[in-house]
């Protein structure tokens, strides 16, 4: 996608520039306004923060939308796989028992 944008400066002189993508235009604009950090510096900070915390490096997927996957420490996981499996089995059993109780002649 190619965009051409006219921006009027304070002196009302048009500034024409052409970017390959709208995202590139927006990134450049915010960079020139000193509203964002240097391009790519956030990824370095994320990697360092995860390493400092003893966690795996984040995984990045720039296809389509930019996606970052952060893995948390196992101690903060909601449920361990064995616990989750036991919970599923207990819930299934209890649900089946309740259904059978409803169907039983009363």
Protein backbone atom coordinates (compact mmCIF):
# COMPACT_ATOMS: atom_id res chain seq x y z
CA UNK A 1 0.00 0.00 0.00
CA UNK A 2 1.44 3.36 -0.98
CA UNK A 3 0.28 6.61 0.53
CA UNK A 4 1.02 10.21 -0.34
CA UNK A 5 0.29 12.77 2.32
CA UNK A 6 0.36 16.54 2.30
CA UNK A 7 1.29 18.05 5.65
CA UNK A 8 1.08 21.77 6.18
CA UNK A 9 3.87 23.24 8.28
CA UNK A 10 3.36 26.22 10.58
CA UNK A 11 4.47 28.50 7.72
CA UNK A 12 1.78 26.87 5.56
CA UNK A 13 4.33 25.35 3.20
CA UNK A 14 3.26 21.93 1.99
CA UNK A 15 5.59 19.07 2.83
CA UNK A 16 5.13 16.19 0.42
CA UNK A 17 6.55 12.77 1.09
CA UNK A 18 5.83 9.30 -0.10
CA UNK A 19 6.23 6.21 2.08
CA UNK A 20 5.99 2.55 1.11
CA UNK A 21 3.51 1.89 3.91
CA UNK A 22 1.20 3.88 6.11
CA UNK A 23 2.92 2.34 9.17
CA UNK A 24 6.26 3.65 7.91
CA UNK A 25 4.81 7.12 7.52
CA UNK A 26 3.33 7.08 11.03
CA UNK A 27 6.55 5.73 12.58
CA UNK A 28 8.60 8.40 10.83
CA UNK A 29 6.19 11.16 11.87
CA UNK A 30 6.24 10.19 15.56
CA UNK A 31 10.01 9.79 15.45
CA UNK A 32 10.44 13.30 14.04
CA UNK A 33 8.18 14.64 16.78
CA UNK A 34 10.33 12.84 19.42
CA UNK A 35 7.22 10.97 20.60
CA UNK A 36 8.70 7.47 20.23
CA UNK A 37 11.99 5.80 20.94
CA UNK A 38 14.43 4.76 18.27
CA UNK A 39 13.09 2.06 15.94
CA UNK A 40 13.83 -1.38 17.39
CA UNK A 41 14.96 -0.18 20.82
CA UNK A 42 11.83 -1.59 22.48
CA UNK A 43 12.62 -5.12 21.32
CA UNK A 44 16.09 -4.92 22.86
CA UNK A 45 14.55 -3.70 26.13
CA UNK A 46 11.99 -6.54 26.14
CA UNK A 47 14.71 -9.14 25.52
CA UNK A 48 16.89 -7.71 28.29
CA UNK A 49 14.01 -7.52 30.78
CA UNK A 50 13.08 -11.15 30.14
CA UNK A 51 16.72 -12.28 30.46
CA UNK A 52 17.13 -10.27 33.69
CA UNK A 53 14.04 -12.03 35.08
CA UNK A 54 15.44 -15.43 34.09
CA UNK A 55 12.66 -16.01 31.58
CA UNK A 56 12.82 -17.22 27.97
CA UNK A 57 13.37 -14.60 25.30
CA UNK A 58 10.10 -13.31 23.80
CA UNK A 59 9.12 -14.62 20.37
CA UNK A 60 8.17 -12.10 17.70
CA UNK A 61 5.96 -12.66 14.64
CA UNK A 62 5.90 -9.66 12.30
CA UNK A 63 3.60 -11.31 9.72
CA UNK A 64 0.42 -9.30 9.32
CA UNK A 65 0.13 -7.69 12.74
CA UNK A 66 3.19 -7.51 14.96
CA UNK A 67 2.82 -10.13 17.69
CA UNK A 68 5.03 -10.73 20.73
CA UNK A 69 4.76 -13.90 22.81
CA UNK A 70 5.98 -13.70 26.42
CA UNK A 71 6.34 -16.86 28.46
CA UNK A 72 5.86 -16.54 32.20
CA UNK A 73 7.60 -18.43 34.96
CA UNK A 74 6.03 -21.84 35.69
CA UNK A 75 5.49 -20.79 39.30
CA UNK A 76 2.95 -18.22 38.07
CA UNK A 77 1.18 -20.55 35.66
CA UNK A 78 -2.53 -20.85 36.31
CA UNK A 79 -2.44 -24.64 36.45
CA UNK A 80 0.18 -27.27 35.80
CA UNK A 81 -0.74 -29.73 33.01
CA UNK A 82 -1.29 -32.63 35.45
CA UNK A 83 -3.55 -30.48 37.64
CA UNK A 84 -5.52 -29.26 34.63
CA UNK A 85 -6.04 -32.85 33.44
CA UNK A 86 -7.27 -33.93 36.89
CA UNK A 87 -9.66 -30.95 37.00
CA UNK A 88 -11.08 -31.87 33.58
CA UNK A 89 -11.61 -35.48 34.68
CA UNK A 90 -13.31 -34.49 37.96
CA UNK A 91 -15.55 -31.93 36.22
CA UNK A 92 -16.54 -34.43 33.54
CA UNK A 93 -17.35 -37.06 36.16
CA UNK A 94 -19.40 -34.64 38.31
CA UNK A 95 -21.31 -33.38 35.26
CA UNK A 96 -22.12 -36.93 34.18
CA UNK A 97 -23.31 -37.76 37.72
CA UNK A 98 -25.58 -34.71 37.79
CA UNK A 99 -27.07 -35.60 34.39
CA UNK A 100 -27.70 -39.18 35.53
CA UNK A 101 -29.35 -37.88 38.73
CA UNK A 102 -31.70 -35.69 36.67
CA UNK A 103 -32.64 -38.60 34.41
CA UNK A 104 -33.16 -41.08 37.26
CA UNK A 105 -36.77 -41.71 38.17
CA UNK A 106 -37.45 -39.80 41.20
